[in-house]
Amino acid sequence: MATQIPQMEEIPPTQLQDELEGSSRAGAEGAGGSPKQKSITIGAVCKALVQEFPDVSISKIRYLEDQKLLTPRRTPGGYRLYTQGDVARLRTILRMQRDEFLPLRVIRQELAAGRAGETTLDQNTAHPRSPREGMRPWRTSVSVREATGALYSIEDVLEETKADAKLVRELEEYGVVKGEQRSGVRYFDETEREIIGAVAELARYGVGGRNLRVFRSSADREANLLQQILAPALRSRNPQRRKEALEALENLAAVATHLKHLLLIRDLRKIAG
């Protein structure tokens, strides 16, 4: 598939040069005389990222800015200027969208929790270095070892996800979510709340609960496969071995998720072509 080069932002060269030079003279040194990071234009950002993210575009970057995920500096003429830190943050956002399918709300939470600073960029590659030498880092959006224990009433879930109550009943009927009955009130855990939110998005395109059985069946088969691979270690009474097994489970789950994504993209490209 041919790579589409994004349309560059139209900036009069002379005007931009004057503004960059003026900005540089006004703030060439930060507090204590330390030099500020070199800034680049939004078009240069696209050029830097297009190889790893072929669908990146100026409009997409502007949209992420509108969603308060990016805050580039502006020249007196209003043109956006991005530091290397801004570019690294943008790369993290795009990877979370592409590799982990995270919605912007969750990405915002991840960034607020310091996610953007978790990986160190190699000077010679666009990919982050893994904490384990020779291994590519695979990140999952939810750890299998962590659970907040928070429960959400059906009213709260419907209000937050904008899902229809009938759709939630369908999801329960087909075993996609289960919920928990307490004192006559139906509650859902955090993962089920996210599932309902994702299904609500699909429902906008006419996808109903019965259509989601294929997703549930696929997830069950994958979980069973990973269980077969790691079952002995997961049942171990040795705390260190069990810890390593949980790390391996998360890593394998992330790899499997990415593989499904790639297979889906391949098939969708055939449809689009």
C-alpha atoms as a PDB file:
ATOM      1  CA  MET A   1       0.000   0.000   0.000  1.00  0.00           C
ATOM      2  CA  ALA A   2       1.492   3.303  -1.027  1.00  0.00           C
ATOM      3  CA  THR A   3       2.303   5.681   1.799  1.00  0.00           C
ATOM      4  CA  GLN A   4       0.305   8.887   1.641  1.00  0.00           C
ATOM      5  CA  ILE A   5       2.375  11.964   2.434  1.00  0.00           C
ATOM      6  CA  PRO A   6       0.312  14.367   4.541  1.00  0.00           C
ATOM      7  CA  GLN A   7      -0.496  17.779   3.221  1.00  0.00           C
ATOM      8  CA  MET A   8       1.858  20.342   4.677  1.00  0.00           C
ATOM      9  CA  GLU A   9       0.680  23.404   6.554  1.00  0.00           C
ATOM     10  CA  GLU A  10       0.875  26.447   4.325  1.00  0.00           C
ATOM     11  CA  ILE A  11       3.244  28.862   6.051  1.00  0.00           C
ATOM     12  CA  PRO A  12       4.868  31.770   4.217  1.00  0.00           C
ATOM     13  CA  PRO A  13       8.598  30.895   4.508  1.00  0.00           C
ATOM     14  CA  THR A  14       9.784  34.457   5.112  1.00  0.00           C
ATOM     15  CA  GLN A  15       7.132  35.141   7.723  1.00  0.00           C
ATOM     16  CA  LEU A  16       7.767  31.885   9.555  1.00  0.00           C
ATOM     17  CA  GLN A  17      11.530  32.452   9.532  1.00  0.00           C
ATOM     18  CA  ASP A  18      11.094  35.936  10.974  1.00  0.00           C
ATOM     19  CA  GLU A  19       8.823  34.601  13.718  1.00  0.00           C
ATOM     20  CA  LEU A  20      11.134  31.716  14.571  1.00  0.00           C
ATOM     21  CA  GLU A  21      14.135  34.026  14.766  1.00  0.00           C
ATOM     22  CA  GLY A  22      12.202  36.500  16.918  1.00  0.00           C
ATOM     23  CA  SER A  23      10.984  33.741  19.199  1.00  0.00           C
ATOM     24  CA  SER A  24      14.485  32.324  19.415  1.00  0.00           C
ATOM     25  CA  ARG A  25      15.994  35.681  20.374  1.00  0.00           C
ATOM     26  CA  ALA A  26      13.278  36.253  22.988  1.00  0.00           C
ATOM     27  CA  GLY A  27      13.629  32.876  24.626  1.00  0.00           C
ATOM     28  CA  ALA A  28      16.873  31.260  23.547  1.00  0.00           C
ATOM     29  CA  GLU A  29      17.728  30.626  27.163  1.00  0.00           C
ATOM     30  CA  GLY A  30      15.501  29.359  29.928  1.00  0.00           C
ATOM     31  CA  ALA A  31      15.888  29.867  33.620  1.00  0.00           C
ATOM     32  CA  GLY A  32      19.504  29.633  34.696  1.00  0.00           C
ATOM     33  CA  GLY A  33      20.742  30.160  31.151  1.00  0.00           C
ATOM     34  CA  SER A  34      19.806  26.641  29.925  1.00  0.00           C
ATOM     35  CA  PRO A  35      18.935  26.496  26.209  1.00  0.00           C
ATOM     36  CA  LYS A  36      15.368  25.661  25.216  1.00  0.00           C
ATOM     37  CA  GLN A  37      14.502  22.695  23.015  1.00  0.00           C
ATOM     38  CA  LYS A  38      14.455  23.261  19.281  1.00  0.00           C
ATOM     39  CA  SER A  39      10.901  23.493  17.953  1.00  0.00           C
ATOM     40  CA  ILE A  40       9.516  22.234  14.636  1.00  0.00           C
ATOM     41  CA  THR A  41       6.364  22.953  12.659  1.00  0.00           C
ATOM     42  CA  ILE A  42       3.308  20.719  12.443  1.00  0.00           C
ATOM     43  CA  GLY A  43       4.287  19.768   8.893  1.00  0.00           C
ATOM     44  CA  ALA A  44       7.709  18.639  10.077  1.00  0.00           C
ATOM     45  CA  VAL A  45       6.020  16.601  12.817  1.00  0.00           C
ATOM     46  CA  CYS A  46       3.975  14.776  10.173  1.00  0.00           C
ATOM     47  CA  LYS A  47       7.096  14.057   8.139  1.00  0.00           C
ATOM     48  CA  ALA A  48       8.829  12.675  11.235  1.00  0.00           C
ATOM     49  CA  LEU A  49       5.954  10.329  12.091  1.00  0.00           C
ATOM     50  CA  VAL A  50       4.485   9.303   8.735  1.00  0.00           C
ATOM     51  CA  GLN A  51       6.738   6.273   8.320  1.00  0.00           C
ATOM     52  CA  GLU A  52       5.551   4.714  11.572  1.00  0.00           C
ATOM     53  CA  PHE A  53       2.000   6.094  11.311  1.00  0.00           C
ATOM     54  CA  PRO A  54       0.963   6.295   7.617  1.00  0.00           C
ATOM     55  CA  ASP A  55      -2.451   7.748   8.495  1.00  0.00           C
ATOM     56  CA  VAL A  56      -1.102  10.673  10.526  1.00  0.00           C
ATOM     57  CA  SER A  57      -2.181  14.047   9.207  1.00  0.00           C
ATOM     58  CA  ILE A  58      -2.183  17.693  10.162  1.00  0.00           C
ATOM     59  CA  SER A  59      -5.932  17.581  10.798  1.00  0.00           C
ATOM     60  CA  LYS A  60      -5.527  14.579  13.115  1.00  0.00           C
ATOM     61  CA  ILE A  61      -2.817  16.333  15.128  1.00  0.00           C
ATOM     62  CA  ARG A  62      -5.013  19.429  15.372  1.00  0.00           C
ATOM     63  CA  TYR A  63      -7.898  17.250  16.567  1.00  0.00           C
ATOM     64  CA  LEU A  64      -5.729  15.785  19.341  1.00  0.00           C
ATOM     65  CA  GLU A  65      -4.851  19.329  20.333  1.00  0.00           C
ATOM     66  CA  ASP A  66      -8.564  20.216  20.433  1.00  0.00           C
ATOM     67  CA  GLN A  67      -9.039  17.255  22.772  1.00  0.00           C
ATOM     68  CA  LYS A  68      -6.427  18.757  25.145  1.00  0.00           C
ATOM     69  CA  LEU A  69      -3.949  15.939  24.561  1.00  0.00           C
ATOM     70  CA  LEU A  70      -1.332  18.227  23.035  1.00  0.00           C
ATOM     71  CA  THR A  71      -0.394  21.809  23.858  1.00  0.00           C
ATOM     72  CA  PRO A  72       2.119  23.078  21.276  1.00  0.00           C
ATOM     73  CA  ARG A  73       3.615  26.524  21.543  1.00  0.00           C
ATOM     74  CA  ARG A  74       2.352  29.198  19.133  1.00  0.00           C
ATOM     75  CA  THR A  75       4.301  31.825  17.227  1.00  0.00           C
ATOM     76  CA  PRO A  76       3.048  35.420  17.279  1.00  0.00           C
ATOM     77  CA  GLY A  77       1.416  34.634  13.926  1.00  0.00           C
ATOM     78  CA  GLY A  78      -0.449  31.661  15.392  1.00  0.00           C
ATOM     79  CA  TYR A  79       1.595  28.825  13.875  1.00  0.00           C
ATOM     80  CA  ARG A  80       2.114  25.715  15.976  1.00  0.00           C
ATOM     81  CA  LEU A  81       5.624  24.791  17.131  1.00  0.00           C
ATOM     82  CA  TYR A  82       6.389  21.396  18.661  1.00  0.00           C
ATOM     83  CA  THR A  83       9.299  20.480  20.913  1.00  0.00           C
ATOM     84  CA  GLN A  84      10.870  17.025  20.879  1.00  0.00           C
ATOM     85  CA  GLY A  85       8.901  16.349  24.054  1.00  0.00           C
ATOM     86  CA  ASP A  86       5.674  17.194  22.209  1.00  0.00           C
ATOM     87  CA  VAL A  87       6.620  14.811  19.397  1.00  0.00           C
ATOM     88  CA  ALA A  88       7.407  12.015  21.876  1.00  0.00           C
ATOM     89  CA  ARG A  89       4.037  12.586  23.581  1.00  0.00           C
ATOM     90  CA  LEU A  90       2.254  12.495  20.219  1.00  0.00           C
ATOM     91  CA  ARG A  91       4.042   9.263  19.291  1.00  0.00           C
ATOM     92  CA  THR A  92       2.887   7.721  22.577  1.00  0.00           C
ATOM     93  CA  ILE A  93      -0.714   8.784  21.886  1.00  0.00           C
ATOM     94  CA  LEU A  94      -0.684   7.332  18.380  1.00  0.00           C
ATOM     95  CA  ARG A  95       0.784   4.056  19.609  1.00  0.00           C
ATOM     96  CA  MET A  96      -1.858   3.721  22.308  1.00  0.00           C
ATOM     97  CA  GLN A  97      -4.532   4.265  19.656  1.00  0.00           C
ATOM     98  CA  ARG A  98      -2.987   1.868  17.147  1.00  0.00           C
ATOM     99  CA  ASP A  99      -1.661  -0.915  19.384  1.00  0.00           C
ATOM    100  CA  GLU A 100      -4.037  -0.856  22.334  1.00  0.00           C
ATOM    101  CA  PHE A 101      -7.235   0.600  20.801  1.00  0.00           C
ATOM    102  CA  LEU A 102      -7.601   2.983  23.740  1.00  0.00           C
ATOM    103  CA  PRO A 103     -10.246   5.724  23.540  1.00  0.00           C
ATOM    104  CA  LEU A 104      -9.050   9.294  23.985  1.00  0.00           C
ATOM    105  CA  ARG A 105     -10.547   9.480  27.470  1.00  0.00           C
ATOM    106  CA  VAL A 106      -8.423   6.558  28.631  1.00  0.00           C
ATOM    107  CA  ILE A 107      -5.359   7.891  26.806  1.00  0.00           C
ATOM    108  CA  ARG A 108      -5.794  11.178  28.662  1.00  0.00           C
ATOM    109  CA  GLN A 109      -5.843   9.270  31.964  1.00  0.00           C
ATOM    110  CA  GLU A 110      -2.748   7.265  30.972  1.00  0.00           C
ATOM    111  CA  LEU A 111      -0.847  10.439  30.113  1.00  0.00           C
ATOM    112  CA  ALA A 112      -1.930  12.100  33.346  1.00  0.00           C
ATOM    113  CA  ALA A 113      -0.567   9.073  35.199  1.00  0.00           C
ATOM    114  CA  GLY A 114       2.834   9.556  33.583  1.00  0.00           C
ATOM    115  CA  ARG A 115       2.528   7.010  30.777  1.00  0.00           C
ATOM    116  CA  ALA A 116       4.341   9.267  28.286  1.00  0.00           C
ATOM    117  CA  GLY A 117       7.542   9.050  30.290  1.00  0.00           C
ATOM    118  CA  GLU A 118       7.633   5.274  30.673  1.00  0.00           C
ATOM    119  CA  THR A 119       9.686   4.522  27.575  1.00  0.00           C
ATOM    120  CA  THR A 120      13.065   5.873  26.575  1.00  0.00           C
ATOM    121  CA  LEU A 121      13.491   6.660  22.896  1.00  0.00           C
ATOM    122  CA  ASP A 122      16.547   5.259  21.217  1.00  0.00           C
ATOM    123  CA  GLN A 123      18.424   7.888  19.237  1.00  0.00           C
ATOM    124  CA  ASN A 124      18.567   5.602  16.207  1.00  0.00           C
ATOM    125  CA  THR A 125      15.039   4.218  16.151  1.00  0.00           C
ATOM    126  CA  ALA A 126      11.467   5.382  16.396  1.00  0.00           C
ATOM    127  CA  HIS A 127      10.568   2.479  18.687  1.00  0.00           C
ATOM    128  CA  PRO A 128      10.922   2.544  22.477  1.00  0.00           C
ATOM    129  CA  ARG A 129      13.510   0.306  24.079  1.00  0.00           C
ATOM    130  CA  SER A 130      12.200  -2.548  26.129  1.00  0.00           C
ATOM    131  CA  PRO A 131      13.192  -2.786  29.779  1.00  0.00           C
ATOM    132  CA  ARG A 132      14.218  -6.341  28.965  1.00  0.00           C
ATOM    133  CA  GLU A 133      17.118  -6.459  26.562  1.00  0.00           C
ATOM    134  CA  GLY A 134      16.192  -7.821  23.166  1.00  0.00           C
ATOM    135  CA  MET A 135      12.438  -7.846  23.809  1.00  0.00           C
ATOM    136  CA  ARG A 136       9.898  -5.558  22.221  1.00  0.00           C
ATOM    137  CA  PRO A 137       7.670  -3.908  24.835  1.00  0.00           C
ATOM    138  CA  TRP A 138       4.017  -4.882  24.564  1.00  0.00           C
ATOM    139  CA  ARG A 139       1.676  -2.842  26.717  1.00  0.00           C
ATOM    140  CA  THR A 140      -1.865  -3.790  27.681  1.00  0.00           C
ATOM    141  CA  SER A 141      -4.500  -1.269  28.640  1.00  0.00           C
ATOM    142  CA  VAL A 142      -5.584  -3.258  31.720  1.00  0.00           C
ATOM    143  CA  SER A 143      -3.289  -5.337  33.899  1.00  0.00           C
ATOM    144  CA  VAL A 144      -4.549  -8.807  34.801  1.00  0.00           C
ATOM    145  CA  ARG A 145      -2.974  -8.320  38.232  1.00  0.00           C
ATOM    146  CA  GLU A 146      -4.718  -5.090  39.085  1.00  0.00           C
ATOM    147  CA  ALA A 147      -8.364  -4.551  39.887  1.00  0.00           C
ATOM    148  CA  THR A 148      -9.820  -1.492  41.569  1.00  0.00           C
ATOM    149  CA  GLY A 149     -12.837  -3.420  42.810  1.00  0.00           C
ATOM    150  CA  ALA A 150     -15.017  -0.477  41.816  1.00  0.00           C
ATOM    151  CA  LEU A 151     -18.611  -1.242  40.826  1.00  0.00           C
ATOM    152  CA  TYR A 152     -20.918   0.980  38.791  1.00  0.00           C
ATOM    153  CA  SER A 153     -24.700   0.952  38.885  1.00  0.00           C
ATOM    154  CA  ILE A 154     -26.581   0.430  35.648  1.00  0.00           C
ATOM    155  CA  GLU A 155     -27.697   4.075  35.829  1.00  0.00           C
ATOM    156  CA  ASP A 156     -24.096   5.302  36.062  1.00  0.00           C
ATOM    157  CA  VAL A 157     -23.015   3.042  33.201  1.00  0.00           C
ATOM    158  CA  LEU A 158     -25.824   4.216  30.936  1.00  0.00           C
ATOM    159  CA  GLU A 159     -25.126   7.861  31.707  1.00  0.00           C
ATOM    160  CA  GLU A 160     -21.391   7.592  31.062  1.00  0.00           C
ATOM    161  CA  THR A 161     -21.431   5.329  27.996  1.00  0.00           C
ATOM    162  CA  LYS A 162     -24.635   6.708  26.450  1.00  0.00           C
ATOM    163  CA  ALA A 163     -25.638   3.107  25.822  1.00  0.00           C
ATOM    164  CA  ASP A 164     -29.264   2.041  25.533  1.00  0.00           C
ATOM    165  CA  ALA A 165     -30.657  -0.067  28.387  1.00  0.00           C
ATOM    166  CA  LYS A 166     -31.995  -2.566  25.848  1.00  0.00           C
ATOM    167  CA  LEU A 167     -28.488  -3.020  24.445  1.00  0.00           C
ATOM    168  CA  VAL A 168     -27.100  -3.783  27.918  1.00  0.00           C
ATOM    169  CA  ARG A 169     -29.819  -6.396  28.423  1.00  0.00           C
ATOM    170  CA  GLU A 170     -28.821  -7.977  25.106  1.00  0.00           C
ATOM    171  CA  LEU A 171     -25.179  -8.082  26.194  1.00  0.00           C
ATOM    172  CA  GLU A 172     -26.193  -9.856  29.387  1.00  0.00           C
ATOM    173  CA  GLU A 173     -28.429 -12.263  27.455  1.00  0.00           C
ATOM    174  CA  TYR A 174     -25.604 -13.263  25.119  1.00  0.00           C
ATOM    175  CA  GLY A 175     -23.033 -13.503  27.905  1.00  0.00           C
ATOM    176  CA  VAL A 176     -20.889 -10.558  26.794  1.00  0.00           C
ATOM    177  CA  VAL A 177     -21.266  -8.908  30.227  1.00  0.00           C
ATOM    178  CA  LYS A 178     -22.669 -10.408  33.430  1.00  0.00           C
ATOM    179  CA  GLY A 179     -23.059  -7.729  36.057  1.00  0.00           C
ATOM    180  CA  GLU A 180     -23.762  -8.353  39.717  1.00  0.00           C
ATOM    181  CA  GLN A 181     -27.019  -7.995  41.612  1.00  0.00           C
ATOM    182  CA  ARG A 182     -26.823  -6.225  44.989  1.00  0.00           C
ATOM    183  CA  SER A 183     -29.849  -5.129  46.997  1.00  0.00           C
ATOM    184  CA  GLY A 184     -31.968  -5.140  43.886  1.00  0.00           C
ATOM    185  CA  VAL A 185     -29.530  -2.971  41.909  1.00  0.00           C
ATOM    186  CA  ARG A 186     -27.490  -4.209  38.952  1.00  0.00           C
ATOM    187  CA  TYR A 187     -23.769  -3.330  39.130  1.00  0.00           C
ATOM    188  CA  PHE A 188     -20.946  -3.748  36.618  1.00  0.00           C
ATOM    189  CA  ASP A 189     -17.209  -3.749  37.181  1.00  0.00           C
ATOM    190  CA  GLU A 190     -14.786  -1.419  35.449  1.00  0.00           C
ATOM    191  CA  THR A 191     -13.976  -3.782  32.577  1.00  0.00           C
ATOM    192  CA  GLU A 192     -17.637  -4.485  31.854  1.00  0.00           C
ATOM    193  CA  ARG A 193     -18.325  -0.757  31.867  1.00  0.00           C
ATOM    194  CA  GLU A 194     -15.653  -0.285  29.184  1.00  0.00           C
ATOM    195  CA  ILE A 195     -17.097  -3.194  27.178  1.00  0.00           C
ATOM    196  CA  ILE A 196     -20.527  -1.574  27.235  1.00  0.00           C
ATOM    197  CA  GLY A 197     -19.007   1.719  26.106  1.00  0.00           C
ATOM    198  CA  ALA A 198     -17.246   0.044  23.180  1.00  0.00           C
ATOM    199  CA  VAL A 199     -20.394  -1.827  22.154  1.00  0.00           C
ATOM    200  CA  ALA A 200     -22.388   1.396  22.346  1.00  0.00           C
ATOM    201  CA  GLU A 201     -20.046   2.839  19.700  1.00  0.00           C
ATOM    202  CA  LEU A 202     -20.604  -0.217  17.489  1.00  0.00           C
ATOM    203  CA  ALA A 203     -24.354   0.066  18.010  1.00  0.00           C
ATOM    204  CA  ARG A 204     -24.289   3.414  16.251  1.00  0.00           C
ATOM    205  CA  TYR A 205     -23.516   1.408  13.093  1.00  0.00           C
ATOM    206  CA  GLY A 206     -26.271  -1.129  13.655  1.00  0.00           C
ATOM    207  CA  VAL A 207     -24.231  -3.789  15.494  1.00  0.00           C
ATOM    208  CA  GLY A 208     -26.423  -5.555  18.063  1.00  0.00           C
ATOM    209  CA  GLY A 209     -25.763  -7.847  20.993  1.00  0.00           C
ATOM    210  CA  ARG A 210     -26.274 -11.025  18.960  1.00  0.00           C
ATOM    211  CA  ASN A 211     -23.556  -9.885  16.535  1.00  0.00           C
ATOM    212  CA  LEU A 212     -21.058  -9.765  19.375  1.00  0.00           C
ATOM    213  CA  ARG A 213     -21.092 -13.478  20.107  1.00  0.00           C
ATOM    214  CA  VAL A 214     -18.267 -13.862  17.612  1.00  0.00           C
ATOM    215  CA  PHE A 215     -16.125 -11.491  19.700  1.00  0.00           C
ATOM    216  CA  ARG A 216     -16.978 -13.355  22.898  1.00  0.00           C
ATOM    217  CA  SER A 217     -16.193 -16.737  21.333  1.00  0.00           C
ATOM    218  CA  SER A 218     -12.892 -15.454  19.972  1.00  0.00           C
ATOM    219  CA  ALA A 219     -11.900 -14.025  23.362  1.00  0.00           C
ATOM    220  CA  ASP A 220     -12.793 -17.299  25.113  1.00  0.00           C
ATOM    221  CA  ARG A 221     -10.667 -19.325  22.679  1.00  0.00           C
ATOM    222  CA  GLU A 222      -7.694 -16.993  23.087  1.00  0.00           C
ATOM    223  CA  ALA A 223      -7.956 -17.029  26.876  1.00  0.00           C
ATOM    224  CA  ASN A 224      -8.081 -20.825  26.867  1.00  0.00           C
ATOM    225  CA  LEU A 225      -5.008 -20.984  24.629  1.00  0.00           C
ATOM    226  CA  LEU A 226      -2.992 -18.677  26.886  1.00  0.00           C
ATOM    227  CA  GLN A 227      -4.154 -20.635  29.924  1.00  0.00           C
ATOM    228  CA  GLN A 228      -2.867 -23.868  28.392  1.00  0.00           C
ATOM    229  CA  ILE A 229       0.504 -22.251  27.722  1.00  0.00           C
ATOM    230  CA  LEU A 230       0.987 -20.807  31.200  1.00  0.00           C
ATOM    231  CA  ALA A 231      -1.249 -22.915  33.454  1.00  0.00           C
ATOM    232  CA  PRO A 232       1.544 -24.727  35.372  1.00  0.00           C
ATOM    233  CA  ALA A 233       3.379 -21.501  36.170  1.00  0.00           C
ATOM    234  CA  LEU A 234       0.175 -19.650  37.084  1.00  0.00           C
ATOM    235  CA  ARG A 235      -0.695 -22.390  39.598  1.00  0.00           C
ATOM    236  CA  SER A 236       2.779 -22.330  41.119  1.00  0.00           C
ATOM    237  CA  ARG A 237       3.116 -21.630  44.830  1.00  0.00           C
ATOM    238  CA  ASN A 238       6.446 -19.931  44.189  1.00  0.00           C
ATOM    239  CA  PRO A 239       5.683 -16.169  44.315  1.00  0.00           C
ATOM    240  CA  GLN A 240       8.490 -15.264  41.907  1.00  0.00           C
ATOM    241  CA  ARG A 241       7.462 -17.877  39.354  1.00  0.00           C
ATOM    242  CA  ARG A 242       3.835 -16.773  39.561  1.00  0.00           C
ATOM    243  CA  LYS A 243       4.859 -13.132  39.128  1.00  0.00           C
ATOM    244  CA  GLU A 244       6.840 -14.017  36.019  1.00  0.00           C
ATOM    245  CA  ALA A 245       3.890 -16.027  34.696  1.00  0.00           C
ATOM    246  CA  LEU A 246       1.549 -13.048  35.132  1.00  0.00           C
ATOM    247  CA  GLU A 247       4.015 -10.822  33.266  1.00  0.00           C
ATOM    248  CA  ALA A 248       4.206 -13.399  30.488  1.00  0.00           C
ATOM    249  CA  LEU A 249       0.398 -13.612  30.371  1.00  0.00           C
ATOM    250  CA  GLU A 250       0.087  -9.846  29.916  1.00  0.00           C
ATOM    251  CA  ASN A 251       2.798  -9.848  27.278  1.00  0.00           C
ATOM    252  CA  LEU A 252       1.226 -12.709  25.319  1.00  0.00           C
ATOM    253  CA  ALA A 253      -2.199 -11.072  25.535  1.00  0.00           C
ATOM    254  CA  ALA A 254      -0.783  -7.837  24.127  1.00  0.00           C
ATOM    255  CA  VAL A 255       0.982  -9.684  21.301  1.00  0.00           C
ATOM    256  CA  ALA A 256      -2.228 -11.559  20.477  1.00  0.00           C
ATOM    257  CA  THR A 257      -4.174  -8.297  20.451  1.00  0.00           C
ATOM    258  CA  HIS A 258      -1.687  -6.695  18.111  1.00  0.00           C
ATOM    259  CA  LEU A 259      -1.736  -9.751  15.842  1.00  0.00           C
ATOM    260  CA  LYS A 260      -5.537  -9.589  15.610  1.00  0.00           C
ATOM    261  CA  HIS A 261      -5.243  -5.908  14.755  1.00  0.00           C
ATOM    262  CA  LEU A 262      -2.794  -6.617  11.939  1.00  0.00           C
ATOM    263  CA  LEU A 263      -4.912  -9.448  10.523  1.00  0.00           C
ATOM    264  CA  LEU A 264      -8.000  -7.241  10.629  1.00  0.00           C
ATOM    265  CA  ILE A 265      -6.205  -4.379   8.895  1.00  0.00           C
ATOM    266  CA  ARG A 266      -4.986  -6.742   6.183  1.00  0.00           C
ATOM    267  CA  ASP A 267      -8.498  -7.995   5.512  1.00  0.00           C
ATOM    268  CA  LEU A 268     -10.024  -4.509   5.620  1.00  0.00           C
ATOM    269  CA  ARG A 269      -7.510  -3.297   3.065  1.00  0.00           C
ATOM    270  CA  LYS A 270      -8.668  -6.070   0.755  1.00  0.00           C
ATOM    271  CA  ILE A 271     -12.257  -4.917   1.221  1.00  0.00           C
ATOM    272  CA  ALA A 272     -11.331  -1.262   0.640  1.00  0.00           C
ATOM    273  CA  GLY A 273      -9.257  -2.166  -2.411  1.00  0.00           C
END
